[in-house]
Amino acid sequence: MKFPLFSYLVRLLTFSLIVFSYPIPSLAAGSAKLTVALSDNPITVGNQFKATVNADITGFTAGSVEFQVNYDSTKLDYQSSDDSSSAFPDTFSTVATNGSVFFGRSTNFSGATGGVKVIGLNFKSKSAGTVKISLSRAAIYELRTGITESLYTSGATV
């Protein structure tokens, strides 16, 4: 005599043991903050100055970062970037438009954690006045899983 219910329960139990025996990757309880720091303040009209994008990464190891730098193009000219001593030395995307520059940066295989430099930005002041350099469209991705971590951004006023 066959017991279809018993056979079904055995198969369900076997399936459940197989599926739930594999480890589920845990989400990191990390956070990150991107900030902009200025080399000189106040800035003299006509002079070049450097703004540095820094990251403070807590609770996980970052593998890559994306962000957009926004500025008033009537008062500033974006000149170039400087990735010397950056924790994210590899560029996978840089798109400059009038008033913004989008960056995609990645680490070597070791990742980045703690307080680190992301990139230096060279600007030239075109006219007098106050202008904000801000960050938007920002994401930091965990090195091994690619999970996007929570992110806070802040800008700087020139």
C-alpha atoms as a PDB file:
ATOM      1  CA  MET A   1       0.000   0.000   0.000  1.00  0.00           C
ATOM      2  CA  LYS A   2       1.375   3.406  -0.999  1.00  0.00           C
ATOM      3  CA  PHE A   3       1.152   6.480   1.141  1.00  0.00           C
ATOM      4  CA  PRO A   4       1.141   9.483  -1.229  1.00  0.00           C
ATOM      5  CA  LEU A   5       1.044  11.994   1.591  1.00  0.00           C
ATOM      6  CA  PHE A   6       4.039  10.385   3.274  1.00  0.00           C
ATOM      7  CA  SER A   7       5.988  10.364  -0.010  1.00  0.00           C
ATOM      8  CA  TYR A   8       5.104  14.016  -0.619  1.00  0.00           C
ATOM      9  CA  LEU A   9       6.249  15.022   2.893  1.00  0.00           C
ATOM     10  CA  VAL A  10       9.561  13.179   2.478  1.00  0.00           C
ATOM     11  CA  ARG A  11      10.225  14.974  -0.807  1.00  0.00           C
ATOM     12  CA  LEU A  12       9.238  18.344   0.679  1.00  0.00           C
ATOM     13  CA  LEU A  13      11.518  17.792   3.670  1.00  0.00           C
ATOM     14  CA  THR A  14      14.421  16.759   1.422  1.00  0.00           C
ATOM     15  CA  PHE A  15      13.933  19.803  -0.801  1.00  0.00           C
ATOM     16  CA  SER A  16      13.736  22.115   2.235  1.00  0.00           C
ATOM     17  CA  LEU A  17      16.934  20.704   3.707  1.00  0.00           C
ATOM     18  CA  ILE A  18      18.801  21.210   0.445  1.00  0.00           C
ATOM     19  CA  VAL A  19      17.549  24.742  -0.165  1.00  0.00           C
ATOM     20  CA  PHE A  20      17.953  26.031   3.371  1.00  0.00           C
ATOM     21  CA  SER A  21      21.316  24.401   4.026  1.00  0.00           C
ATOM     22  CA  TYR A  22      23.084  26.871   1.701  1.00  0.00           C
ATOM     23  CA  PRO A  23      24.283  29.988   3.466  1.00  0.00           C
ATOM     24  CA  ILE A  24      22.450  33.155   2.590  1.00  0.00           C
ATOM     25  CA  PRO A  25      24.798  36.110   2.163  1.00  0.00           C
ATOM     26  CA  SER A  26      24.281  38.564   4.973  1.00  0.00           C
ATOM     27  CA  LEU A  27      23.767  42.211   4.268  1.00  0.00           C
ATOM     28  CA  ALA A  28      26.422  44.405   5.775  1.00  0.00           C
ATOM     29  CA  ALA A  29      25.195  46.827   8.372  1.00  0.00           C
ATOM     30  CA  GLY A  30      27.511  49.448   7.011  1.00  0.00           C
ATOM     31  CA  SER A  31      27.260  53.071   6.116  1.00  0.00           C
ATOM     32  CA  ALA A  32      29.288  55.549   4.130  1.00  0.00           C
ATOM     33  CA  LYS A  33      29.604  59.283   3.751  1.00  0.00           C
ATOM     34  CA  LEU A  34      31.020  61.248   0.814  1.00  0.00           C
ATOM     35  CA  THR A  35      32.161  64.796   1.495  1.00  0.00           C
ATOM     36  CA  VAL A  36      33.910  67.585  -0.422  1.00  0.00           C
ATOM     37  CA  ALA A  37      36.840  69.445   1.164  1.00  0.00           C
ATOM     38  CA  LEU A  38      38.513  72.547  -0.287  1.00  0.00           C
ATOM     39  CA  SER A  39      42.250  73.237  -0.436  1.00  0.00           C
ATOM     40  CA  ASP A  40      41.824  77.017  -0.222  1.00  0.00           C
ATOM     41  CA  ASN A  41      39.002  79.165   1.021  1.00  0.00           C
ATOM     42  CA  PRO A  42      38.429  81.943   0.021  1.00  0.00           C
ATOM     43  CA  ILE A  43      39.342  81.428  -3.617  1.00  0.00           C
ATOM     44  CA  THR A  44      40.798  84.229  -5.732  1.00  0.00           C
ATOM     45  CA  VAL A  45      39.040  84.882  -9.053  1.00  0.00           C
ATOM     46  CA  GLY A  46      41.136  83.548 -11.931  1.00  0.00           C
ATOM     47  CA  ASN A  47      43.058  81.097  -9.764  1.00  0.00           C
ATOM     48  CA  GLN A  48      42.911  77.335  -9.802  1.00  0.00           C
ATOM     49  CA  PHE A  49      42.006  75.426  -6.638  1.00  0.00           C
ATOM     50  CA  LYS A  50      41.483  71.830  -5.582  1.00  0.00           C
ATOM     51  CA  ALA A  51      38.415  70.199  -4.080  1.00  0.00           C
ATOM     52  CA  THR A  52      38.844  66.684  -2.692  1.00  0.00           C
ATOM     53  CA  VAL A  53      36.071  64.099  -2.489  1.00  0.00           C
ATOM     54  CA  ASN A  54      36.593  61.927   0.595  1.00  0.00           C
ATOM     55  CA  ALA A  55      34.742  58.849   1.811  1.00  0.00           C
ATOM     56  CA  ASP A  56      34.173  57.627   5.351  1.00  0.00           C
ATOM     57  CA  ILE A  57      33.274  53.925   5.078  1.00  0.00           C
ATOM     58  CA  THR A  58      32.128  52.037   8.169  1.00  0.00           C
ATOM     59  CA  GLY A  59      31.151  48.395   8.640  1.00  0.00           C
ATOM     60  CA  PHE A  60      32.039  47.049   5.189  1.00  0.00           C
ATOM     61  CA  THR A  61      34.730  47.073   2.507  1.00  0.00           C
ATOM     62  CA  ALA A  62      33.935  49.187  -0.557  1.00  0.00           C
ATOM     63  CA  GLY A  63      34.852  48.029  -4.048  1.00  0.00           C
ATOM     64  CA  SER A  64      33.550  50.907  -6.145  1.00  0.00           C
ATOM     65  CA  VAL A  65      31.873  54.284  -5.941  1.00  0.00           C
ATOM     66  CA  GLU A  66      29.793  56.413  -8.313  1.00  0.00           C
ATOM     67  CA  PHE A  67      28.841  60.044  -7.820  1.00  0.00           C
ATOM     68  CA  GLN A  68      28.127  63.273  -9.629  1.00  0.00           C
ATOM     69  CA  VAL A  69      29.825  66.561  -8.749  1.00  0.00           C
ATOM     70  CA  ASN A  70      27.616  69.616  -9.377  1.00  0.00           C
ATOM     71  CA  TYR A  71      28.741  73.247  -9.570  1.00  0.00           C
ATOM     72  CA  ASP A  72      27.734  76.598 -11.064  1.00  0.00           C
ATOM     73  CA  SER A  73      29.484  76.721 -14.443  1.00  0.00           C
ATOM     74  CA  THR A  74      29.111  80.505 -14.640  1.00  0.00           C
ATOM     75  CA  LYS A  75      31.479  80.801 -11.662  1.00  0.00           C
ATOM     76  CA  LEU A  76      33.697  77.706 -11.958  1.00  0.00           C
ATOM     77  CA  ASP A  77      35.453  75.743 -14.703  1.00  0.00           C
ATOM     78  CA  TYR A  78      36.198  72.059 -14.104  1.00  0.00           C
ATOM     79  CA  GLN A  79      39.826  71.522 -15.185  1.00  0.00           C
ATOM     80  CA  SER A  80      40.849  67.946 -14.352  1.00  0.00           C
ATOM     81  CA  SER A  81      40.878  65.184 -11.767  1.00  0.00           C
ATOM     82  CA  ASP A  82      43.759  63.883  -9.667  1.00  0.00           C
ATOM     83  CA  ASP A  83      43.663  60.287  -8.449  1.00  0.00           C
ATOM     84  CA  SER A  84      47.063  60.263  -6.719  1.00  0.00           C
ATOM     85  CA  SER A  85      46.824  58.457  -3.360  1.00  0.00           C
ATOM     86  CA  SER A  86      43.170  57.602  -4.047  1.00  0.00           C
ATOM     87  CA  ALA A  87      41.668  54.500  -2.473  1.00  0.00           C
ATOM     88  CA  PHE A  88      39.707  54.177  -5.744  1.00  0.00           C
ATOM     89  CA  PRO A  89      42.474  54.536  -8.375  1.00  0.00           C
ATOM     90  CA  ASP A  90      40.716  52.870 -11.304  1.00  0.00           C
ATOM     91  CA  THR A  91      38.352  54.939 -13.458  1.00  0.00           C
ATOM     92  CA  PHE A  92      35.516  53.171 -15.197  1.00  0.00           C
ATOM     93  CA  SER A  93      33.507  56.268 -16.067  1.00  0.00           C
ATOM     94  CA  THR A  94      34.001  60.028 -16.271  1.00  0.00           C
ATOM     95  CA  VAL A  95      31.385  62.149 -18.003  1.00  0.00           C
ATOM     96  CA  ALA A  96      31.717  65.937 -17.877  1.00  0.00           C
ATOM     97  CA  THR A  97      28.875  68.232 -18.896  1.00  0.00           C
ATOM     98  CA  ASN A  98      28.255  71.912 -18.300  1.00  0.00           C
ATOM     99  CA  GLY A  99      27.972  72.232 -14.524  1.00  0.00           C
ATOM    100  CA  SER A 100      28.503  68.591 -13.529  1.00  0.00           C
ATOM    101  CA  VAL A 101      30.948  65.711 -13.748  1.00  0.00           C
ATOM    102  CA  PHE A 102      29.938  62.075 -13.186  1.00  0.00           C
ATOM    103  CA  PHE A 103      32.602  59.688 -11.849  1.00  0.00           C
ATOM    104  CA  GLY A 104      32.732  55.921 -11.568  1.00  0.00           C
ATOM    105  CA  ARG A 105      35.768  54.689  -9.617  1.00  0.00           C
ATOM    106  CA  SER A 106      36.884  51.302  -8.342  1.00  0.00           C
ATOM    107  CA  THR A 107      39.525  49.904  -6.019  1.00  0.00           C
ATOM    108  CA  ASN A 108      42.212  47.375  -6.707  1.00  0.00           C
ATOM    109  CA  PHE A 109      41.262  43.993  -5.352  1.00  0.00           C
ATOM    110  CA  SER A 110      41.859  44.975  -1.711  1.00  0.00           C
ATOM    111  CA  GLY A 111      38.884  47.331  -1.326  1.00  0.00           C
ATOM    112  CA  ALA A 112      38.617  50.435   0.827  1.00  0.00           C
ATOM    113  CA  THR A 113      37.388  51.096   4.348  1.00  0.00           C
ATOM    114  CA  GLY A 114      37.656  53.893   6.893  1.00  0.00           C
ATOM    115  CA  GLY A 115      38.412  57.500   5.981  1.00  0.00           C
ATOM    116  CA  VAL A 116      39.857  57.573   2.448  1.00  0.00           C
ATOM    117  CA  LYS A 117      40.439  59.932  -0.476  1.00  0.00           C
ATOM    118  CA  VAL A 118      38.244  59.186  -3.497  1.00  0.00           C
ATOM    119  CA  ILE A 119      39.517  61.807  -5.976  1.00  0.00           C
ATOM    120  CA  GLY A 120      40.885  65.321  -6.236  1.00  0.00           C
ATOM    121  CA  LEU A 121      39.131  67.812  -8.522  1.00  0.00           C
ATOM    122  CA  ASN A 122      40.830  70.846 -10.043  1.00  0.00           C
ATOM    123  CA  PHE A 123      38.643  73.892 -10.700  1.00  0.00           C
ATOM    124  CA  LYS A 124      39.340  77.413 -11.892  1.00  0.00           C
ATOM    125  CA  SER A 125      37.388  80.341 -10.488  1.00  0.00           C
ATOM    126  CA  LYS A 126      35.757  82.443 -13.252  1.00  0.00           C
ATOM    127  CA  SER A 127      33.872  85.116 -11.346  1.00  0.00           C
ATOM    128  CA  ALA A 128      33.267  86.462  -7.854  1.00  0.00           C
ATOM    129  CA  GLY A 129      30.491  85.161  -5.642  1.00  0.00           C
ATOM    130  CA  THR A 130      29.500  82.167  -3.593  1.00  0.00           C
ATOM    131  CA  VAL A 131      29.083  78.787  -5.239  1.00  0.00           C
ATOM    132  CA  LYS A 132      28.319  75.350  -3.848  1.00  0.00           C
ATOM    133  CA  ILE A 133      30.091  72.218  -5.010  1.00  0.00           C
ATOM    134  CA  SER A 134      27.665  69.396  -4.244  1.00  0.00           C
ATOM    135  CA  LEU A 135      27.427  65.637  -4.736  1.00  0.00           C
ATOM    136  CA  SER A 136      24.455  63.695  -6.085  1.00  0.00           C
ATOM    137  CA  ARG A 137      23.615  60.360  -7.747  1.00  0.00           C
ATOM    138  CA  ALA A 138      26.017  58.724  -5.297  1.00  0.00           C
ATOM    139  CA  ALA A 139      26.402  55.022  -4.539  1.00  0.00           C
ATOM    140  CA  ILE A 140      29.074  52.935  -2.849  1.00  0.00           C
ATOM    141  CA  TYR A 141      29.164  49.223  -3.621  1.00  0.00           C
ATOM    142  CA  GLU A 142      30.470  46.517  -1.327  1.00  0.00           C
ATOM    143  CA  LEU A 143      33.587  44.788  -2.671  1.00  0.00           C
ATOM    144  CA  ARG A 144      32.493  41.165  -2.687  1.00  0.00           C
ATOM    145  CA  THR A 145      28.708  41.298  -2.976  1.00  0.00           C
ATOM    146  CA  GLY A 146      28.087  44.448  -5.016  1.00  0.00           C
ATOM    147  CA  ILE A 147      25.394  45.473  -2.532  1.00  0.00           C
ATOM    148  CA  THR A 148      24.782  49.223  -2.421  1.00  0.00           C
ATOM    149  CA  GLU A 149      25.299  50.627   1.056  1.00  0.00           C
ATOM    150  CA  SER A 150      23.472  53.540   2.641  1.00  0.00           C
ATOM    151  CA  LEU A 151      25.181  56.785   1.742  1.00  0.00           C
ATOM    152  CA  TYR A 152      25.213  60.358   3.012  1.00  0.00           C
ATOM    153  CA  THR A 153      26.689  63.177   0.915  1.00  0.00           C
ATOM    154  CA  SER A 154      27.617  66.740   1.703  1.00  0.00           C
ATOM    155  CA  GLY A 155      29.103  69.531  -0.403  1.00  0.00           C
ATOM    156  CA  ALA A 156      31.337  72.523   0.127  1.00  0.00           C
ATOM    157  CA  THR A 157      30.771  76.228  -0.389  1.00  0.00           C
ATOM    158  CA  VAL A 158      33.357  78.299  -2.202  1.00  0.00           C
END
